[in-house]
mmCIF file of all heavy atoms, coordinates in Angstrom:
data_MODEL
# 
_entry.id   MODEL 
# 
loop_
_atom_site.group_PDB 
_atom_site.id 
_atom_site.type_symbol 
_atom_site.label_atom_id 
_atom_site.label_alt_id 
_atom_site.label_comp_id 
_atom_site.label_asym_id 
_atom_site.label_entity_id 
_atom_site.label_seq_id 
_atom_site.pdbx_PDB_ins_code 
_atom_site.Cartn_x 
_atom_site.Cartn_y 
_atom_site.Cartn_z 
_atom_site.occupancy 
_atom_site.B_iso_or_equiv 
_atom_site.pdbx_formal_charge 
_atom_site.auth_seq_id 
_atom_site.auth_comp_id 
_atom_site.auth_asym_id 
_atom_site.auth_atom_id 
_atom_site.pdbx_PDB_model_num 
ATOM 1   N N   . ALA A 1 1  ? -8.707  3.782  -5.561 1.00 0.00 ? 1  ALA A N   1 
ATOM 2   C CA  . ALA A 1 1  ? -8.278  2.957  -4.424 1.00 0.00 ? 1  ALA A CA  1 
ATOM 3   C C   . ALA A 1 1  ? -7.268  3.719  -3.566 1.00 0.00 ? 1  ALA A C   1 
ATOM 4   O O   . ALA A 1 1  ? -7.332  3.673  -2.330 1.00 0.00 ? 1  ALA A O   1 
ATOM 5   C CB  . ALA A 1 1  ? -7.679  1.644  -4.921 1.00 0.00 ? 1  ALA A CB  1 
ATOM 6   N N   . ALA A 1 2  ? -6.353  4.418  -4.208 1.00 0.00 ? 2  ALA A N   1 
ATOM 7   C CA  . ALA A 1 2  ? -5.363  5.201  -3.462 1.00 0.00 ? 2  ALA A CA  1 
ATOM 8   C C   . ALA A 1 2  ? -6.041  6.328  -2.691 1.00 0.00 ? 2  ALA A C   1 
ATOM 9   O O   . ALA A 1 2  ? -5.703  6.591  -1.529 1.00 0.00 ? 2  ALA A O   1 
ATOM 10  C CB  . ALA A 1 2  ? -4.301  5.759  -4.403 1.00 0.00 ? 2  ALA A CB  1 
ATOM 11  N N   . ALA A 1 3  ? -7.006  6.998  -3.316 1.00 0.00 ? 3  ALA A N   1 
ATOM 12  C CA  . ALA A 1 3  ? -7.732  8.083  -2.647 1.00 0.00 ? 3  ALA A CA  1 
ATOM 13  C C   . ALA A 1 3  ? -8.485  7.548  -1.435 1.00 0.00 ? 3  ALA A C   1 
ATOM 14  O O   . ALA A 1 3  ? -8.526  8.194  -0.380 1.00 0.00 ? 3  ALA A O   1 
ATOM 15  C CB  . ALA A 1 3  ? -8.694  8.764  -3.615 1.00 0.00 ? 3  ALA A CB  1 
ATOM 16  N N   . LYS A 1 4  ? -9.052  6.356  -1.569 1.00 0.00 ? 4  LYS A N   1 
ATOM 17  C CA  . LYS A 1 4  ? -9.762  5.756  -0.441 1.00 0.00 ? 4  LYS A CA  1 
ATOM 18  C C   . LYS A 1 4  ? -8.798  5.441  0.693  1.00 0.00 ? 4  LYS A C   1 
ATOM 19  O O   . LYS A 1 4  ? -9.103  5.685  1.862  1.00 0.00 ? 4  LYS A O   1 
ATOM 20  C CB  . LYS A 1 4  ? -10.484 4.482  -0.889 1.00 0.00 ? 4  LYS A CB  1 
ATOM 21  C CG  . LYS A 1 4  ? -11.285 3.834  0.214  1.00 0.00 ? 4  LYS A CG  1 
ATOM 22  C CD  . LYS A 1 4  ? -12.011 2.606  -0.257 1.00 0.00 ? 4  LYS A CD  1 
ATOM 23  C CE  . LYS A 1 4  ? -12.763 1.978  0.921  1.00 0.00 ? 4  LYS A CE  1 
ATOM 24  N NZ  . LYS A 1 4  ? -13.411 0.744  0.554  1.00 0.00 ? 4  LYS A NZ  1 
ATOM 25  N N   . ARG A 1 5  ? -7.608  4.924  0.371  1.00 0.00 ? 5  ARG A N   1 
ATOM 26  C CA  . ARG A 1 5  ? -6.614  4.623  1.404  1.00 0.00 ? 5  ARG A CA  1 
ATOM 27  C C   . ARG A 1 5  ? -6.143  5.903  2.100  1.00 0.00 ? 5  ARG A C   1 
ATOM 28  O O   . ARG A 1 5  ? -5.944  5.920  3.316  1.00 0.00 ? 5  ARG A O   1 
ATOM 29  C CB  . ARG A 1 5  ? -5.429  3.868  0.813  1.00 0.00 ? 5  ARG A CB  1 
ATOM 30  C CG  . ARG A 1 5  ? -5.759  2.417  0.469  1.00 0.00 ? 5  ARG A CG  1 
ATOM 31  C CD  . ARG A 1 5  ? -4.519  1.600  0.155  1.00 0.00 ? 5  ARG A CD  1 
ATOM 32  N NE  . ARG A 1 5  ? -3.683  2.132  -0.902 1.00 0.00 ? 5  ARG A NE  1 
ATOM 33  C CZ  . ARG A 1 5  ? -3.822  1.875  -2.199 1.00 0.00 ? 5  ARG A CZ  1 
ATOM 34  N NH1 . ARG A 1 5  ? -4.776  1.074  -2.609 1.00 0.00 ? 5  ARG A NH1 1 
ATOM 35  N NH2 . ARG A 1 5  ? -2.991  2.404  -3.068 1.00 0.00 ? 5  ARG A NH2 1 
ATOM 36  N N   . VAL A 1 6  ? -5.978  6.975  1.336  1.00 0.00 ? 6  VAL A N   1 
ATOM 37  C CA  . VAL A 1 6  ? -5.571  8.257  1.931  1.00 0.00 ? 6  VAL A CA  1 
ATOM 38  C C   . VAL A 1 6  ? -6.652  8.752  2.875  1.00 0.00 ? 6  VAL A C   1 
ATOM 39  O O   . VAL A 1 6  ? -6.356  9.199  3.992  1.00 0.00 ? 6  VAL A O   1 
ATOM 40  C CB  . VAL A 1 6  ? -5.274  9.308  0.830  1.00 0.00 ? 6  VAL A CB  1 
ATOM 41  C CG1 . VAL A 1 6  ? -5.166  10.701 1.417  1.00 0.00 ? 6  VAL A CG1 1 
ATOM 42  C CG2 . VAL A 1 6  ? -4.004  8.946  0.079  1.00 0.00 ? 6  VAL A CG2 1 
ATOM 43  N N   . GLN A 1 7  ? -7.915  8.665  2.458  1.00 0.00 ? 7  GLN A N   1 
ATOM 44  C CA  . GLN A 1 7  ? -9.019  9.109  3.316  1.00 0.00 ? 7  GLN A CA  1 
ATOM 45  C C   . GLN A 1 7  ? -9.060  8.283  4.594  1.00 0.00 ? 7  GLN A C   1 
ATOM 46  O O   . GLN A 1 7  ? -9.229  8.824  5.689  1.00 0.00 ? 7  GLN A O   1 
ATOM 47  C CB  . GLN A 1 7  ? -10.345 9.000  2.582  1.00 0.00 ? 7  GLN A CB  1 
ATOM 48  C CG  . GLN A 1 7  ? -11.534 9.458  3.420  1.00 0.00 ? 7  GLN A CG  1 
ATOM 49  C CD  . GLN A 1 7  ? -12.848 9.328  2.687  1.00 0.00 ? 7  GLN A CD  1 
ATOM 50  O OE1 . GLN A 1 7  ? -12.911 8.885  1.554  1.00 0.00 ? 7  GLN A OE1 1 
ATOM 51  N NE2 . GLN A 1 7  ? -13.923 9.708  3.349  1.00 0.00 ? 7  GLN A NE2 1 
ATOM 52  N N   . GLU A 1 8  ? -8.893  6.971  4.471  1.00 0.00 ? 8  GLU A N   1 
ATOM 53  C CA  . GLU A 1 8  ? -8.895  6.106  5.656  1.00 0.00 ? 8  GLU A CA  1 
ATOM 54  C C   . GLU A 1 8  ? -7.739  6.454  6.583  1.00 0.00 ? 8  GLU A C   1 
ATOM 55  O O   . GLU A 1 8  ? -7.892  6.466  7.806  1.00 0.00 ? 8  GLU A O   1 
ATOM 56  C CB  . GLU A 1 8  ? -8.833  4.642  5.240  1.00 0.00 ? 8  GLU A CB  1 
ATOM 57  C CG  . GLU A 1 8  ? -10.113 4.147  4.592  1.00 0.00 ? 8  GLU A CG  1 
ATOM 58  C CD  . GLU A 1 8  ? -9.968  2.773  3.948  1.00 0.00 ? 8  GLU A CD  1 
ATOM 59  O OE1 . GLU A 1 8  ? -8.837  2.240  3.866  1.00 0.00 ? 8  GLU A OE1 1 
ATOM 60  O OE2 . GLU A 1 8  ? -11.004 2.231  3.520  1.00 0.00 ? 8  GLU A OE2 1 
ATOM 61  N N   . ALA A 1 9  ? -6.572  6.744  5.989  1.00 0.00 ? 9  ALA A N   1 
ATOM 62  C CA  . ALA A 1 9  ? -5.411  7.116  6.806  1.00 0.00 ? 9  ALA A CA  1 
ATOM 63  C C   . ALA A 1 9  ? -5.660  8.434  7.527  1.00 0.00 ? 9  ALA A C   1 
ATOM 64  O O   . ALA A 1 9  ? -5.299  8.589  8.700  1.00 0.00 ? 9  ALA A O   1 
ATOM 65  C CB  . ALA A 1 9  ? -4.165  7.210  5.937  1.00 0.00 ? 9  ALA A CB  1 
ATOM 66  N N   . GLN A 1 10 ? -6.294  9.411  6.848  1.00 0.00 ? 10 GLN A N   1 
ATOM 67  C CA  . GLN A 1 10 ? -6.592  10.691 7.474  1.00 0.00 ? 10 GLN A CA  1 
ATOM 68  C C   . GLN A 1 10 ? -7.575  10.511 8.628  1.00 0.00 ? 10 GLN A C   1 
ATOM 69  O O   . GLN A 1 10 ? -7.413  11.107 9.691  1.00 0.00 ? 10 GLN A O   1 
ATOM 70  C CB  . GLN A 1 10 ? -7.158  11.684 6.452  1.00 0.00 ? 10 GLN A CB  1 
ATOM 71  C CG  . GLN A 1 10 ? -6.115  12.206 5.495  1.00 0.00 ? 10 GLN A CG  1 
ATOM 72  C CD  . GLN A 1 10 ? -6.707  13.070 4.397  1.00 0.00 ? 10 GLN A CD  1 
ATOM 73  O OE1 . GLN A 1 10 ? -7.844  12.896 3.990  1.00 0.00 ? 10 GLN A OE1 1 
ATOM 74  N NE2 . GLN A 1 10 ? -5.901  13.997 3.901  1.00 0.00 ? 10 GLN A NE2 1 
ATOM 75  N N   . GLU A 1 11 ? -8.582  9.674  8.427  1.00 0.00 ? 11 GLU A N   1 
ATOM 76  C CA  . GLU A 1 11 ? -9.552  9.425  9.498  1.00 0.00 ? 11 GLU A CA  1 
ATOM 77  C C   . GLU A 1 11 ? -8.876  8.732  10.675 1.00 0.00 ? 11 GLU A C   1 
ATOM 78  O O   . GLU A 1 11 ? -9.143  9.058  11.833 1.00 0.00 ? 11 GLU A O   1 
ATOM 79  C CB  . GLU A 1 11 ? -10.711 8.581  8.970  1.00 0.00 ? 11 GLU A CB  1 
ATOM 80  C CG  . GLU A 1 11 ? -11.611 9.337  8.015  1.00 0.00 ? 11 GLU A CG  1 
ATOM 81  C CD  . GLU A 1 11 ? -12.656 8.457  7.349  1.00 0.00 ? 11 GLU A CD  1 
ATOM 82  O OE1 . GLU A 1 11 ? -12.677 7.223  7.597  1.00 0.00 ? 11 GLU A OE1 1 
ATOM 83  O OE2 . GLU A 1 11 ? -13.456 8.997  6.565  1.00 0.00 ? 11 GLU A OE2 1 
ATOM 84  N N   . SER A 1 12 ? -7.979  7.812  10.380 1.00 0.00 ? 12 SER A N   1 
ATOM 85  C CA  . SER A 1 12 ? -7.244  7.126  11.438 1.00 0.00 ? 12 SER A CA  1 
ATOM 86  C C   . SER A 1 12 ? -6.370  8.113  12.209 1.00 0.00 ? 12 SER A C   1 
ATOM 87  O O   . SER A 1 12 ? -6.286  8.059  13.435 1.00 0.00 ? 12 SER A O   1 
ATOM 88  C CB  . SER A 1 12 ? -6.388  6.007  10.837 1.00 0.00 ? 12 SER A CB  1 
ATOM 89  O OG  . SER A 1 12 ? -5.691  5.326  11.828 1.00 0.00 ? 12 SER A OG  1 
ATOM 90  N N   . LEU A 1 13 ? -5.732  9.027  11.497 1.00 0.00 ? 13 LEU A N   1 
ATOM 91  C CA  . LEU A 1 13 ? -4.903  10.051 12.141 1.00 0.00 ? 13 LEU A CA  1 
ATOM 92  C C   . LEU A 1 13 ? -5.753  10.947 13.027 1.00 0.00 ? 13 LEU A C   1 
ATOM 93  O O   . LEU A 1 13 ? -5.371  11.252 14.161 1.00 0.00 ? 13 LEU A O   1 
ATOM 94  C CB  . LEU A 1 13 ? -4.169  10.890 11.090 1.00 0.00 ? 13 LEU A CB  1 
ATOM 95  C CG  . LEU A 1 13 ? -3.359  12.080 11.612 1.00 0.00 ? 13 LEU A CG  1 
ATOM 96  C CD1 . LEU A 1 13 ? -2.244  11.601 12.537 1.00 0.00 ? 13 LEU A CD1 1 
ATOM 97  C CD2 . LEU A 1 13 ? -2.798  12.880 10.454 1.00 0.00 ? 13 LEU A CD2 1 
ATOM 98  N N   . GLU A 1 14 ? -6.922  11.370 12.527 1.00 0.00 ? 14 GLU A N   1 
ATOM 99  C CA  . GLU A 1 14 ? -7.804  12.217 13.329 1.00 0.00 ? 14 GLU A CA  1 
ATOM 100 C C   . GLU A 1 14 ? -8.212  11.501 14.613 1.00 0.00 ? 14 GLU A C   1 
ATOM 101 O O   . GLU A 1 14 ? -8.206  12.098 15.693 1.00 0.00 ? 14 GLU A O   1 
ATOM 102 C CB  . GLU A 1 14 ? -9.057  12.601 12.531 1.00 0.00 ? 14 GLU A CB  1 
ATOM 103 C CG  . GLU A 1 14 ? -8.807  13.603 11.430 1.00 0.00 ? 14 GLU A CG  1 
ATOM 104 C CD  . GLU A 1 14 ? -10.059 13.911 10.621 1.00 0.00 ? 14 GLU A CD  1 
ATOM 105 O OE1 . GLU A 1 14 ? -11.138 13.331 10.893 1.00 0.00 ? 14 GLU A OE1 1 
ATOM 106 O OE2 . GLU A 1 14 ? -9.953  14.748 9.707  1.00 0.00 ? 14 GLU A OE2 1 
ATOM 107 N N   . GLU A 1 15 ? -8.551  10.228 14.503 1.00 0.00 ? 15 GLU A N   1 
ATOM 108 C CA  . GLU A 1 15 ? -8.948  9.475  15.687 1.00 0.00 ? 15 GLU A CA  1 
ATOM 109 C C   . GLU A 1 15 ? -7.791  9.348  16.673 1.00 0.00 ? 15 GLU A C   1 
ATOM 110 O O   . GLU A 1 15 ? -7.978  9.479  17.885 1.00 0.00 ? 15 GLU A O   1 
ATOM 111 C CB  . GLU A 1 15 ? -9.459  8.092  15.282 1.00 0.00 ? 15 GLU A CB  1 
ATOM 112 C CG  . GLU A 1 15 ? -10.798 8.140  14.577 1.00 0.00 ? 15 GLU A CG  1 
ATOM 113 C CD  . GLU A 1 15 ? -11.247 6.786  14.060 1.00 0.00 ? 15 GLU A CD  1 
ATOM 114 O OE1 . GLU A 1 15 ? -10.681 5.756  14.463 1.00 0.00 ? 15 GLU A OE1 1 
ATOM 115 O OE2 . GLU A 1 15 ? -12.178 6.775  13.232 1.00 0.00 ? 15 GLU A OE2 1 
ATOM 116 N N   . ALA A 1 16 ? -6.587  9.128  16.155 1.00 0.00 ? 16 ALA A N   1 
ATOM 117 C CA  . ALA A 1 16 ? -5.415  9.021  17.030 1.00 0.00 ? 16 ALA A CA  1 
ATOM 118 C C   . ALA A 1 16 ? -5.145  10.348 17.732 1.00 0.00 ? 16 ALA A C   1 
ATOM 119 O O   . ALA A 1 16 ? -4.803  10.378 18.922 1.00 0.00 ? 16 ALA A O   1 
ATOM 120 C CB  . ALA A 1 16 ? -4.192  8.585  16.230 1.00 0.00 ? 16 ALA A CB  1 
ATOM 121 N N   . GLN A 1 17 ? -5.317  11.467 17.015 1.00 0.00 ? 17 GLN A N   1 
ATOM 122 C CA  . GLN A 1 17 ? -5.121  12.776 17.623 1.00 0.00 ? 17 GLN A CA  1 
ATOM 123 C C   . GLN A 1 17 ? -6.146  13.018 18.726 1.00 0.00 ? 17 GLN A C   1 
ATOM 124 O O   . GLN A 1 17 ? -5.807  13.554 19.784 1.00 0.00 ? 17 GLN A O   1 
ATOM 125 C CB  . GLN A 1 17 ? -5.217  13.886 16.567 1.00 0.00 ? 17 GLN A CB  1 
ATOM 126 C CG  . GLN A 1 17 ? -4.033  13.935 15.637 1.00 0.00 ? 17 GLN A CG  1 
ATOM 127 C CD  . GLN A 1 17 ? -4.227  14.950 14.523 1.00 0.00 ? 17 GLN A CD  1 
ATOM 128 O OE1 . GLN A 1 17 ? -5.324  15.147 14.012 1.00 0.00 ? 17 GLN A OE1 1 
ATOM 129 N NE2 . GLN A 1 17 ? -3.129  15.587 14.134 1.00 0.00 ? 17 GLN A NE2 1 
ATOM 130 N N   . LEU A 1 18 ? -7.381  12.619 18.486 1.00 0.00 ? 18 LEU A N   1 
ATOM 131 C CA  . LEU A 1 18 ? -8.425  12.788 19.505 1.00 0.00 ? 18 LEU A CA  1 
ATOM 132 C C   . LEU A 1 18 ? -8.123  11.934 20.731 1.00 0.00 ? 18 LEU A C   1 
ATOM 133 O O   . LEU A 1 18 ? -8.287  12.387 21.870 1.00 0.00 ? 18 LEU A O   1 
ATOM 134 C CB  . LEU A 1 18 ? -9.796  12.426 18.932 1.00 0.00 ? 18 LEU A CB  1 
ATOM 135 C CG  . LEU A 1 18 ? -10.358 13.398 17.907 1.00 0.00 ? 18 LEU A CG  1 
ATOM 136 C CD1 . LEU A 1 18 ? -11.626 12.824 17.275 1.00 0.00 ? 18 LEU A CD1 1 
ATOM 137 C CD2 . LEU A 1 18 ? -10.641 14.747 18.530 1.00 0.00 ? 18 LEU A CD2 1 
ATOM 138 N N   . ARG A 1 19 ? -7.686  10.690 20.508 1.00 0.00 ? 19 ARG A N   1 
ATOM 139 C CA  . ARG A 1 19 ? -7.341  9.834  21.641 1.00 0.00 ? 19 ARG A CA  1 
ATOM 140 C C   . ARG A 1 19 ? -6.174  10.414 22.423 1.00 0.00 ? 19 ARG A C   1 
ATOM 141 O O   . ARG A 1 19 ? -6.162  10.383 23.660 1.00 0.00 ? 19 ARG A O   1 
ATOM 142 C CB  . ARG A 1 19 ? -7.016  8.414  21.164 1.00 0.00 ? 19 ARG A CB  1 
ATOM 143 C CG  . ARG A 1 19 ? -8.256  7.614  20.786 1.00 0.00 ? 19 ARG A CG  1 
ATOM 144 C CD  . ARG A 1 19 ? -7.931  6.139  20.596 1.00 0.00 ? 19 ARG A CD  1 
ATOM 145 N NE  . ARG A 1 19 ? -6.871  5.877  19.646 1.00 0.00 ? 19 ARG A NE  1 
ATOM 146 C CZ  . ARG A 1 19 ? -7.029  5.722  18.336 1.00 0.00 ? 19 ARG A CZ  1 
ATOM 147 N NH1 . ARG A 1 19 ? -8.234  5.800  17.824 1.00 0.00 ? 19 ARG A NH1 1 
ATOM 148 N NH2 . ARG A 1 19 ? -6.003  5.479  17.548 1.00 0.00 ? 19 ARG A NH2 1 
ATOM 149 N N   . ALA A 1 20 ? -5.174  10.944 21.719 1.00 0.00 ? 20 ALA A N   1 
ATOM 150 C CA  . ALA A 1 20 ? -4.022  11.537 22.396 1.00 0.00 ? 20 ALA A CA  1 
ATOM 151 C C   . ALA A 1 20 ? -4.447  12.749 23.223 1.00 0.00 ? 20 ALA A C   1 
ATOM 152 O O   . ALA A 1 20 ? -4.004  12.911 24.369 1.00 0.00 ? 20 ALA A O   1 
ATOM 153 C CB  . ALA A 1 20 ? -2.951  11.938 21.377 1.00 0.00 ? 20 ALA A CB  1 
ATOM 154 N N   . GLU A 1 21 ? -5.303  13.589 22.678 1.00 0.00 ? 21 GLU A N   1 
ATOM 155 C CA  . GLU A 1 21 ? -5.794  14.761 23.409 1.00 0.00 ? 21 GLU A CA  1 
ATOM 156 C C   . GLU A 1 21 ? -6.592  14.327 24.634 1.00 0.00 ? 21 GLU A C   1 
ATOM 157 O O   . GLU A 1 21 ? -6.419  14.873 25.726 1.00 0.00 ? 21 GLU A O   1 
ATOM 158 C CB  . GLU A 1 21 ? -6.652  15.649 22.504 1.00 0.00 ? 21 GLU A CB  1 
ATOM 159 C CG  . GLU A 1 21 ? -7.313  16.812 23.200 1.00 0.00 ? 21 GLU A CG  1 
ATOM 160 C CD  . GLU A 1 21 ? -6.370  17.893 23.661 1.00 0.00 ? 21 GLU A CD  1 
ATOM 161 O OE1 . GLU A 1 21 ? -5.198  17.912 23.224 1.00 0.00 ? 21 GLU A OE1 1 
ATOM 162 O OE2 . GLU A 1 21 ? -6.792  18.733 24.477 1.00 0.00 ? 21 GLU A OE2 1 
ATOM 163 N N   . ALA A 1 22 ? -7.447  13.329 24.455 1.00 0.00 ? 22 ALA A N   1 
ATOM 164 C CA  . ALA A 1 22 ? -8.241  12.841 25.591 1.00 0.00 ? 22 ALA A CA  1 
ATOM 165 C C   . ALA A 1 22 ? -7.334  12.257 26.670 1.00 0.00 ? 22 ALA A C   1 
ATOM 166 O O   . ALA A 1 22 ? -7.527  12.508 27.859 1.00 0.00 ? 22 ALA A O   1 
ATOM 167 C CB  . ALA A 1 22 ? -9.247  11.794 25.122 1.00 0.00 ? 22 ALA A CB  1 
ATOM 168 N N   . SER A 1 23 ? -6.316  11.520 26.259 1.00 0.00 ? 23 SER A N   1 
ATOM 169 C CA  . SER A 1 23 ? -5.378  10.946 27.229 1.00 0.00 ? 23 SER A CA  1 
ATOM 170 C C   . SER A 1 23 ? -4.627  12.042 27.974 1.00 0.00 ? 23 SER A C   1 
ATOM 171 O O   . SER A 1 23 ? -4.423  11.949 29.186 1.00 0.00 ? 23 SER A O   1 
ATOM 172 C CB  . SER A 1 23 ? -4.373  10.033 26.521 1.00 0.00 ? 23 SER A CB  1 
ATOM 173 O OG  . SER A 1 23 ? -5.024  8.926  25.957 1.00 0.00 ? 23 SER A OG  1 
ATOM 174 N N   . ARG A 1 24 ? -4.241  13.081 27.260 1.00 0.00 ? 24 ARG A N   1 
ATOM 175 C CA  . ARG A 1 24 ? -3.541  14.193 27.891 1.00 0.00 ? 24 ARG A CA  1 
ATOM 176 C C   . ARG A 1 24 ? -4.436  14.883 28.908 1.00 0.00 ? 24 ARG A C   1 
ATOM 177 O O   . ARG A 1 24 ? -4.007  15.211 30.021 1.00 0.00 ? 24 ARG A O   1 
ATOM 178 C CB  . ARG A 1 24 ? -3.047  15.191 26.845 1.00 0.00 ? 24 ARG A CB  1 
ATOM 179 C CG  . ARG A 1 24 ? -2.131  16.269 27.428 1.00 0.00 ? 24 ARG A CG  1 
ATOM 180 C CD  . ARG A 1 24 ? -1.752  17.327 26.410 1.00 0.00 ? 24 ARG A CD  1 
ATOM 181 N NE  . ARG A 1 24 ? -2.903  18.056 25.915 1.00 0.00 ? 24 ARG A NE  1 
ATOM 182 C CZ  . ARG A 1 24 ? -3.575  18.964 26.623 1.00 0.00 ? 24 ARG A CZ  1 
ATOM 183 N NH1 . ARG A 1 24 ? -3.231  19.246 27.845 1.00 0.00 ? 24 ARG A NH1 1 
ATOM 184 N NH2 . ARG A 1 24 ? -4.613  19.586 26.098 1.00 0.00 ? 24 ARG A NH2 1 
ATOM 185 N N   . GLU A 1 25 ? -5.709  15.073 28.550 1.00 0.00 ? 25 GLU A N   1 
ATOM 186 C CA  . GLU A 1 25 ? -6.647  15.716 29.466 1.00 0.00 ? 25 GLU A CA  1 
ATOM 187 C C   . GLU A 1 25 ? -6.862  14.854 30.716 1.00 0.00 ? 25 GLU A C   1 
ATOM 188 O O   . GLU A 1 25 ? -6.914  15.375 31.832 1.00 0.00 ? 25 GLU A O   1 
ATOM 189 C CB  . GLU A 1 25 ? -7.974  15.990 28.761 1.00 0.00 ? 25 GLU A CB  1 
ATOM 190 C CG  . GLU A 1 25 ? -7.877  17.094 27.721 1.00 0.00 ? 25 GLU A CG  1 
ATOM 191 C CD  . GLU A 1 25 ? -9.167  17.302 26.945 1.00 0.00 ? 25 GLU A CD  1 
ATOM 192 O OE1 . GLU A 1 25 ? -10.192 16.663 27.273 1.00 0.00 ? 25 GLU A OE1 1 
ATOM 193 O OE2 . GLU A 1 25 ? -9.140  18.096 25.991 1.00 0.00 ? 25 GLU A OE2 1 
ATOM 194 N N   . VAL A 1 26 ? -6.974  13.550 30.531 1.00 0.00 ? 26 VAL A N   1 
ATOM 195 C CA  . VAL A 1 26 ? -7.140  12.653 31.680 1.00 0.00 ? 26 VAL A CA  1 
ATOM 196 C C   . VAL A 1 26 ? -5.903  12.719 32.566 1.00 0.00 ? 26 VAL A C   1 
ATOM 197 O O   . VAL A 1 26 ? -6.009  12.798 33.796 1.00 0.00 ? 26 VAL A O   1 
ATOM 198 C CB  . VAL A 1 26 ? -7.412  11.204 31.212 1.00 0.00 ? 26 VAL A CB  1 
ATOM 199 C CG1 . VAL A 1 26 ? -7.289  10.218 32.360 1.00 0.00 ? 26 VAL A CG1 1 
ATOM 200 C CG2 . VAL A 1 26 ? -8.790  11.103 30.567 1.00 0.00 ? 26 VAL A CG2 1 
# 
């Protein structure tokens, strides 16, 4: 369960980084 939460958190972080990069480019 902890490993699954870590994976979900990493995916959430990746998505946030992509959104931040896209916002910066815009």
